[in-house]
Amino acid sequence: MRRNSLIGVSVLGLAVLLVYLGAATGLIKGADNLTLSLVFAIGPVAIIGVLSISRRLAPQGGTLALRAGTTFLVIGFALFTLMLVVQQTIFIQFRQFRSESADEAAREALALVFKGVNLVQLGADVAFDIFYCLGMILLAAVMYRHRDFGKVIGAFGVVSAAALLCFNLYTFPYIPADSGLVDLGPVTGLWWIAVIVQFLRLERKARIEAKSAA
């Protein structure tokens, strides 16, 4: 039963990751309730996934690096949910305000107000990036020495997360994309896909071995 639950969480995590990558790359557009529900599910599902992966890496609690990395990622994905909800609330409401504005002067005033209010979600995004990247670096560093994940997955996670953090801090208070740099968020999403696929493979292998031993 435990393995079935882990596999279910992994599949769900893979699904919301694909939703994130689709939204980040512009393949998924629009702000209907179904799309927003899937996007808002990323944070809570990711937290469950991080706890499951952490348990896989060290059933007895693990090292300080693993515990700190897990905690940072839990905080990070909570901030990610906060950022997304604030972001979409601002975008949806201001689109409605703009559509209801009768004259150009009111629209110009709304545009100025929007620029100021939008800084709130941009600041929350940087806070998320700090915890997310530090947590990912620590978790990937543990994976680097772990037999179930190995050096390739571990190194890719450390490098991509460190680069994302450096880009965000270097361009702060602006986002990397507005400063001529590449947004590496989707690259770290690819790392999570690799981790989930490996996690599913390991759970499937353990399931087969358990059946063979029975």
C-alpha atoms as a PDB file:
ATOM      1  CA  MET A   1       0.000   0.000   0.000  1.00  0.00           C
ATOM      2  CA  ARG A   2       2.834   2.360   0.864  1.00  0.00           C
ATOM      3  CA  ARG A   3       4.507   1.803  -2.510  1.00  0.00           C
ATOM      4  CA  ASN A   4       1.195   2.338  -4.345  1.00  0.00           C
ATOM      5  CA  SER A   5       0.807   5.669  -2.536  1.00  0.00           C
ATOM      6  CA  LEU A   6       4.370   6.726  -3.400  1.00  0.00           C
ATOM      7  CA  ILE A   7       3.871   5.821  -7.039  1.00  0.00           C
ATOM      8  CA  GLY A   8       0.607   7.782  -7.102  1.00  0.00           C
ATOM      9  CA  VAL A   9       2.276  10.850  -5.605  1.00  0.00           C
ATOM     10  CA  SER A  10       5.144  10.547  -8.103  1.00  0.00           C
ATOM     11  CA  VAL A  11       2.784  10.354 -11.077  1.00  0.00           C
ATOM     12  CA  LEU A  12       0.823  13.339  -9.760  1.00  0.00           C
ATOM     13  CA  GLY A  13       4.069  15.227  -9.233  1.00  0.00           C
ATOM     14  CA  LEU A  14       5.129  14.479 -12.793  1.00  0.00           C
ATOM     15  CA  ALA A  15       1.776  15.763 -14.050  1.00  0.00           C
ATOM     16  CA  VAL A  16       1.967  19.080 -12.193  1.00  0.00           C
ATOM     17  CA  LEU A  17       5.583  19.499 -13.298  1.00  0.00           C
ATOM     18  CA  LEU A  18       4.486  19.202 -16.904  1.00  0.00           C
ATOM     19  CA  VAL A  19       1.816  21.819 -16.186  1.00  0.00           C
ATOM     20  CA  TYR A  20       4.495  24.111 -14.736  1.00  0.00           C
ATOM     21  CA  LEU A  21       6.797  23.639 -17.727  1.00  0.00           C
ATOM     22  CA  GLY A  22       3.882  24.256 -20.090  1.00  0.00           C
ATOM     23  CA  ALA A  23       2.981  27.484 -18.296  1.00  0.00           C
ATOM     24  CA  ALA A  24       6.619  28.627 -18.017  1.00  0.00           C
ATOM     25  CA  THR A  25       7.288  28.079 -21.714  1.00  0.00           C
ATOM     26  CA  GLY A  26       3.977  29.563 -22.872  1.00  0.00           C
ATOM     27  CA  LEU A  27       2.542  26.295 -24.192  1.00  0.00           C
ATOM     28  CA  ILE A  28      -0.293  26.534 -21.665  1.00  0.00           C
ATOM     29  CA  LYS A  29      -2.070  29.867 -21.733  1.00  0.00           C
ATOM     30  CA  GLY A  30      -5.118  31.359 -20.111  1.00  0.00           C
ATOM     31  CA  ALA A  31      -6.292  31.686 -16.520  1.00  0.00           C
ATOM     32  CA  ASP A  32      -9.410  29.495 -16.359  1.00  0.00           C
ATOM     33  CA  ASN A  33     -10.243  27.833 -13.051  1.00  0.00           C
ATOM     34  CA  LEU A  34      -9.059  24.383 -14.161  1.00  0.00           C
ATOM     35  CA  THR A  35      -5.649  25.646 -15.264  1.00  0.00           C
ATOM     36  CA  LEU A  36      -5.238  27.722 -12.110  1.00  0.00           C
ATOM     37  CA  SER A  37      -6.202  24.752  -9.916  1.00  0.00           C
ATOM     38  CA  LEU A  38      -3.508  22.636 -11.577  1.00  0.00           C
ATOM     39  CA  VAL A  39      -0.930  25.401 -11.209  1.00  0.00           C
ATOM     40  CA  PHE A  40      -1.848  26.021  -7.547  1.00  0.00           C
ATOM     41  CA  ALA A  41      -1.469  22.271  -6.901  1.00  0.00           C
ATOM     42  CA  ILE A  42       2.236  22.389  -7.791  1.00  0.00           C
ATOM     43  CA  GLY A  43       3.369  23.608  -4.357  1.00  0.00           C
ATOM     44  CA  PRO A  44       1.400  21.170  -2.138  1.00  0.00           C
ATOM     45  CA  VAL A  45       2.172  18.188  -4.398  1.00  0.00           C
ATOM     46  CA  ALA A  46       5.844  19.169  -4.529  1.00  0.00           C
ATOM     47  CA  ILE A  47       6.037  19.258  -0.721  1.00  0.00           C
ATOM     48  CA  ILE A  48       4.666  15.707  -0.499  1.00  0.00           C
ATOM     49  CA  GLY A  49       7.101  14.633  -3.211  1.00  0.00           C
ATOM     50  CA  VAL A  50      10.088  16.222  -1.447  1.00  0.00           C
ATOM     51  CA  LEU A  51       9.217  14.420   1.807  1.00  0.00           C
ATOM     52  CA  SER A  52       8.893  11.113  -0.073  1.00  0.00           C
ATOM     53  CA  ILE A  53      12.236  11.575  -1.831  1.00  0.00           C
ATOM     54  CA  SER A  54      13.901  12.590   1.427  1.00  0.00           C
ATOM     55  CA  ARG A  55      12.636   9.415   3.077  1.00  0.00           C
ATOM     56  CA  ARG A  56      13.972   7.397   0.159  1.00  0.00           C
ATOM     57  CA  LEU A  57      17.409   8.990   0.502  1.00  0.00           C
ATOM     58  CA  ALA A  58      17.658   8.259   4.229  1.00  0.00           C
ATOM     59  CA  PRO A  59      14.920   6.241   5.992  1.00  0.00           C
ATOM     60  CA  GLN A  60      16.366   7.068   9.427  1.00  0.00           C
ATOM     61  CA  GLY A  61      16.356  10.856   8.994  1.00  0.00           C
ATOM     62  CA  GLY A  62      19.661  11.323   7.206  1.00  0.00           C
ATOM     63  CA  THR A  63      22.364  13.938   7.479  1.00  0.00           C
ATOM     64  CA  LEU A  64      22.035  17.591   8.405  1.00  0.00           C
ATOM     65  CA  ALA A  65      22.368  18.471   4.688  1.00  0.00           C
ATOM     66  CA  LEU A  66      19.395  16.266   3.819  1.00  0.00           C
ATOM     67  CA  ARG A  67      17.246  17.579   6.667  1.00  0.00           C
ATOM     68  CA  ALA A  68      18.127  21.200   5.891  1.00  0.00           C
ATOM     69  CA  GLY A  69      17.582  20.707   2.164  1.00  0.00           C
ATOM     70  CA  THR A  70      14.188  19.117   2.785  1.00  0.00           C
ATOM     71  CA  THR A  71      13.152  21.938   5.124  1.00  0.00           C
ATOM     72  CA  PHE A  72      14.305  24.630   2.685  1.00  0.00           C
ATOM     73  CA  LEU A  73      12.330  23.009  -0.141  1.00  0.00           C
ATOM     74  CA  VAL A  74       9.167  22.720   1.963  1.00  0.00           C
ATOM     75  CA  ILE A  75       9.438  26.429   2.820  1.00  0.00           C
ATOM     76  CA  GLY A  76      10.297  27.230  -0.790  1.00  0.00           C
ATOM     77  CA  PHE A  77       7.264  25.487  -2.267  1.00  0.00           C
ATOM     78  CA  ALA A  78       5.005  27.142   0.324  1.00  0.00           C
ATOM     79  CA  LEU A  79       6.388  30.508  -0.838  1.00  0.00           C
ATOM     80  CA  PHE A  80       5.905  29.370  -4.441  1.00  0.00           C
ATOM     81  CA  THR A  81       2.192  28.822  -3.778  1.00  0.00           C
ATOM     82  CA  LEU A  82       1.969  32.234  -2.088  1.00  0.00           C
ATOM     83  CA  MET A  83       3.687  33.860  -5.069  1.00  0.00           C
ATOM     84  CA  LEU A  84       1.409  32.178  -7.611  1.00  0.00           C
ATOM     85  CA  VAL A  85      -1.799  33.054  -5.764  1.00  0.00           C
ATOM     86  CA  VAL A  86      -0.748  36.693  -5.300  1.00  0.00           C
ATOM     87  CA  GLN A  87       0.448  36.886  -8.908  1.00  0.00           C
ATOM     88  CA  GLN A  88      -2.748  35.538 -10.424  1.00  0.00           C
ATOM     89  CA  THR A  89      -4.929  37.631  -8.113  1.00  0.00           C
ATOM     90  CA  ILE A  90      -3.115  40.766  -9.303  1.00  0.00           C
ATOM     91  CA  PHE A  91      -3.222  39.792 -12.989  1.00  0.00           C
ATOM     92  CA  ILE A  92      -6.888  38.758 -13.052  1.00  0.00           C
ATOM     93  CA  GLN A  93      -8.162  41.708 -11.026  1.00  0.00           C
ATOM     94  CA  PHE A  94      -6.199  44.315 -12.957  1.00  0.00           C
ATOM     95  CA  ARG A  95      -7.355  42.870 -16.278  1.00  0.00           C
ATOM     96  CA  GLN A  96     -10.905  43.279 -15.055  1.00  0.00           C
ATOM     97  CA  PHE A  97     -10.248  46.825 -13.799  1.00  0.00           C
ATOM     98  CA  ARG A  98      -8.738  47.747 -17.163  1.00  0.00           C
ATOM     99  CA  SER A  99     -11.674  46.335 -19.114  1.00  0.00           C
ATOM    100  CA  GLU A 100     -14.064  48.347 -16.955  1.00  0.00           C
ATOM    101  CA  SER A 101     -12.132  51.612 -17.386  1.00  0.00           C
ATOM    102  CA  ALA A 102     -13.931  53.967 -19.748  1.00  0.00           C
ATOM    103  CA  ASP A 103     -11.171  56.478 -20.559  1.00  0.00           C
ATOM    104  CA  GLU A 104      -7.472  56.329 -21.396  1.00  0.00           C
ATOM    105  CA  ALA A 105      -6.421  58.425 -18.377  1.00  0.00           C
ATOM    106  CA  ALA A 106      -7.888  55.846 -15.998  1.00  0.00           C
ATOM    107  CA  ARG A 107      -6.117  53.055 -17.865  1.00  0.00           C
ATOM    108  CA  GLU A 108      -2.777  54.854 -17.633  1.00  0.00           C
ATOM    109  CA  ALA A 109      -3.288  55.344 -13.886  1.00  0.00           C
ATOM    110  CA  LEU A 110      -4.115  51.647 -13.510  1.00  0.00           C
ATOM    111  CA  ALA A 111      -0.953  50.725 -15.420  1.00  0.00           C
ATOM    112  CA  LEU A 112       1.140  52.717 -12.935  1.00  0.00           C
ATOM    113  CA  VAL A 113      -0.627  51.175  -9.949  1.00  0.00           C
ATOM    114  CA  PHE A 114      -0.156  47.715 -11.472  1.00  0.00           C
ATOM    115  CA  LYS A 115       3.603  48.227 -11.780  1.00  0.00           C
ATOM    116  CA  GLY A 116       3.817  49.035  -8.077  1.00  0.00           C
ATOM    117  CA  VAL A 117       1.529  46.239  -6.870  1.00  0.00           C
ATOM    118  CA  ASN A 118       3.189  43.667  -9.134  1.00  0.00           C
ATOM    119  CA  LEU A 119       6.456  44.164  -7.247  1.00  0.00           C
ATOM    120  CA  VAL A 120       4.929  42.239  -4.330  1.00  0.00           C
ATOM    121  CA  GLN A 121       4.738  38.965  -6.238  1.00  0.00           C
ATOM    122  CA  LEU A 122       8.164  39.574  -7.797  1.00  0.00           C
ATOM    123  CA  GLY A 123       9.651  39.917  -4.321  1.00  0.00           C
ATOM    124  CA  ALA A 124       7.888  36.746  -3.177  1.00  0.00           C
ATOM    125  CA  ASP A 125       9.335  35.013  -6.255  1.00  0.00           C
ATOM    126  CA  VAL A 126      12.887  35.897  -5.202  1.00  0.00           C
ATOM    127  CA  ALA A 127      12.194  34.648  -1.654  1.00  0.00           C
ATOM    128  CA  PHE A 128      10.981  31.379  -3.190  1.00  0.00           C
ATOM    129  CA  ASP A 129      14.086  31.128  -5.383  1.00  0.00           C
ATOM    130  CA  ILE A 130      16.410  31.500  -2.379  1.00  0.00           C
ATOM    131  CA  PHE A 131      14.862  28.642  -0.395  1.00  0.00           C
ATOM    132  CA  TYR A 132      14.172  26.550  -3.495  1.00  0.00           C
ATOM    133  CA  CYS A 133      17.713  26.774  -4.864  1.00  0.00           C
ATOM    134  CA  LEU A 134      19.446  26.220  -1.536  1.00  0.00           C
ATOM    135  CA  GLY A 135      17.198  23.249  -0.803  1.00  0.00           C
ATOM    136  CA  MET A 136      17.744  21.792  -4.261  1.00  0.00           C
ATOM    137  CA  ILE A 137      21.526  22.218  -3.998  1.00  0.00           C
ATOM    138  CA  LEU A 138      21.605  20.352  -0.680  1.00  0.00           C
ATOM    139  CA  LEU A 139      19.256  17.594  -1.856  1.00  0.00           C
ATOM    140  CA  ALA A 140      21.187  17.129  -5.103  1.00  0.00           C
ATOM    141  CA  ALA A 141      24.476  17.040  -3.176  1.00  0.00           C
ATOM    142  CA  VAL A 142      23.102  14.142  -1.114  1.00  0.00           C
ATOM    143  CA  MET A 143      21.961  12.412  -4.317  1.00  0.00           C
ATOM    144  CA  TYR A 144      25.450  12.810  -5.789  1.00  0.00           C
ATOM    145  CA  ARG A 145      26.780  10.292  -3.253  1.00  0.00           C
ATOM    146  CA  HIS A 146      23.654   8.105  -3.160  1.00  0.00           C
ATOM    147  CA  ARG A 147      23.669   4.817  -5.067  1.00  0.00           C
ATOM    148  CA  ASP A 148      20.033   5.189  -6.185  1.00  0.00           C
ATOM    149  CA  PHE A 149      20.531   8.541  -7.948  1.00  0.00           C
ATOM    150  CA  GLY A 150      24.229   9.006  -8.639  1.00  0.00           C
ATOM    151  CA  LYS A 151      26.618  11.657  -9.848  1.00  0.00           C
ATOM    152  CA  VAL A 152      24.854  12.715 -13.057  1.00  0.00           C
ATOM    153  CA  ILE A 153      21.529  13.601 -11.419  1.00  0.00           C
ATOM    154  CA  GLY A 154      23.323  15.052  -8.402  1.00  0.00           C
ATOM    155  CA  ALA A 155      25.687  17.261 -10.390  1.00  0.00           C
ATOM    156  CA  PHE A 156      22.948  18.474 -12.734  1.00  0.00           C
ATOM    157  CA  GLY A 157      20.816  19.487  -9.752  1.00  0.00           C
ATOM    158  CA  VAL A 158      23.614  21.348  -7.973  1.00  0.00           C
ATOM    159  CA  VAL A 159      24.788  23.226 -11.086  1.00  0.00           C
ATOM    160  CA  SER A 160      21.331  24.229 -12.362  1.00  0.00           C
ATOM    161  CA  ALA A 161      20.106  25.372  -8.938  1.00  0.00           C
ATOM    162  CA  ALA A 162      23.327  27.278  -8.183  1.00  0.00           C
ATOM    163  CA  ALA A 163      23.161  29.021 -11.575  1.00  0.00           C
ATOM    164  CA  LEU A 164      19.489  29.931 -11.056  1.00  0.00           C
ATOM    165  CA  LEU A 165      20.254  31.391  -7.615  1.00  0.00           C
ATOM    166  CA  CYS A 166      23.264  33.364  -8.890  1.00  0.00           C
ATOM    167  CA  PHE A 167      21.286  34.792 -11.814  1.00  0.00           C
ATOM    168  CA  ASN A 168      18.443  35.893  -9.535  1.00  0.00           C
ATOM    169  CA  LEU A 169      20.711  37.499  -6.955  1.00  0.00           C
ATOM    170  CA  TYR A 170      22.881  39.158  -9.617  1.00  0.00           C
ATOM    171  CA  THR A 171      19.915  40.806 -11.335  1.00  0.00           C
ATOM    172  CA  PHE A 172      17.944  41.608  -8.140  1.00  0.00           C
ATOM    173  CA  PRO A 173      15.573  43.464  -7.871  1.00  0.00           C
ATOM    174  CA  TYR A 174      14.925  42.655 -11.527  1.00  0.00           C
ATOM    175  CA  ILE A 175      14.271  39.190 -12.921  1.00  0.00           C
ATOM    176  CA  PRO A 176      16.959  37.542 -15.086  1.00  0.00           C
ATOM    177  CA  ALA A 177      14.757  37.559 -18.218  1.00  0.00           C
ATOM    178  CA  ASP A 178      14.449  41.366 -17.990  1.00  0.00           C
ATOM    179  CA  SER A 179      18.211  41.729 -17.622  1.00  0.00           C
ATOM    180  CA  GLY A 180      19.278  39.829 -20.714  1.00  0.00           C
ATOM    181  CA  LEU A 181      19.859  36.519 -18.926  1.00  0.00           C
ATOM    182  CA  VAL A 182      18.117  33.164 -19.363  1.00  0.00           C
ATOM    183  CA  ASP A 183      15.413  31.997 -16.954  1.00  0.00           C
ATOM    184  CA  LEU A 184      16.771  28.703 -15.618  1.00  0.00           C
ATOM    185  CA  GLY A 185      13.590  27.806 -13.719  1.00  0.00           C
ATOM    186  CA  PRO A 186      12.400  25.381 -16.435  1.00  0.00           C
ATOM    187  CA  VAL A 187      15.869  23.771 -16.458  1.00  0.00           C
ATOM    188  CA  THR A 188      15.499  22.899 -12.780  1.00  0.00           C
ATOM    189  CA  GLY A 189      12.041  21.570 -13.668  1.00  0.00           C
ATOM    190  CA  LEU A 190      13.726  19.115 -16.038  1.00  0.00           C
ATOM    191  CA  TRP A 191      15.900  17.979 -13.128  1.00  0.00           C
ATOM    192  CA  TRP A 192      12.806  17.238 -11.066  1.00  0.00           C
ATOM    193  CA  ILE A 193      11.388  15.207 -13.943  1.00  0.00           C
ATOM    194  CA  ALA A 194      14.600  13.137 -14.017  1.00  0.00           C
ATOM    195  CA  VAL A 195      14.398  12.631 -10.237  1.00  0.00           C
ATOM    196  CA  ILE A 196      10.737  11.574 -10.353  1.00  0.00           C
ATOM    197  CA  VAL A 197      11.340   9.163 -13.235  1.00  0.00           C
ATOM    198  CA  GLN A 198      14.241   7.609 -11.316  1.00  0.00           C
ATOM    199  CA  PHE A 199      12.107   7.474  -8.174  1.00  0.00           C
ATOM    200  CA  LEU A 200       9.342   5.655 -10.076  1.00  0.00           C
ATOM    201  CA  ARG A 201      11.874   3.241 -11.538  1.00  0.00           C
ATOM    202  CA  LEU A 202      13.251   2.425  -8.085  1.00  0.00           C
ATOM    203  CA  GLU A 203       9.774   1.912  -6.630  1.00  0.00           C
ATOM    204  CA  ARG A 204       8.826  -0.372  -9.517  1.00  0.00           C
ATOM    205  CA  LYS A 205      12.026  -2.387  -9.035  1.00  0.00           C
ATOM    206  CA  ALA A 206      11.355  -2.725  -5.303  1.00  0.00           C
ATOM    207  CA  ARG A 207       7.794  -3.821  -6.044  1.00  0.00           C
ATOM    208  CA  ILE A 208       8.974  -6.535  -8.428  1.00  0.00           C
ATOM    209  CA  GLU A 209      11.577  -7.760  -5.941  1.00  0.00           C
ATOM    210  CA  ALA A 210       8.976  -7.887  -3.155  1.00  0.00           C
ATOM    211  CA  LYS A 211       6.667  -9.996  -5.331  1.00  0.00           C
ATOM    212  CA  SER A 212       9.509 -12.332  -6.250  1.00  0.00           C
ATOM    213  CA  ALA A 213      10.430 -12.818  -2.591  1.00  0.00           C
ATOM    214  CA  ALA A 214       6.833 -13.538  -1.569  1.00  0.00           C
END
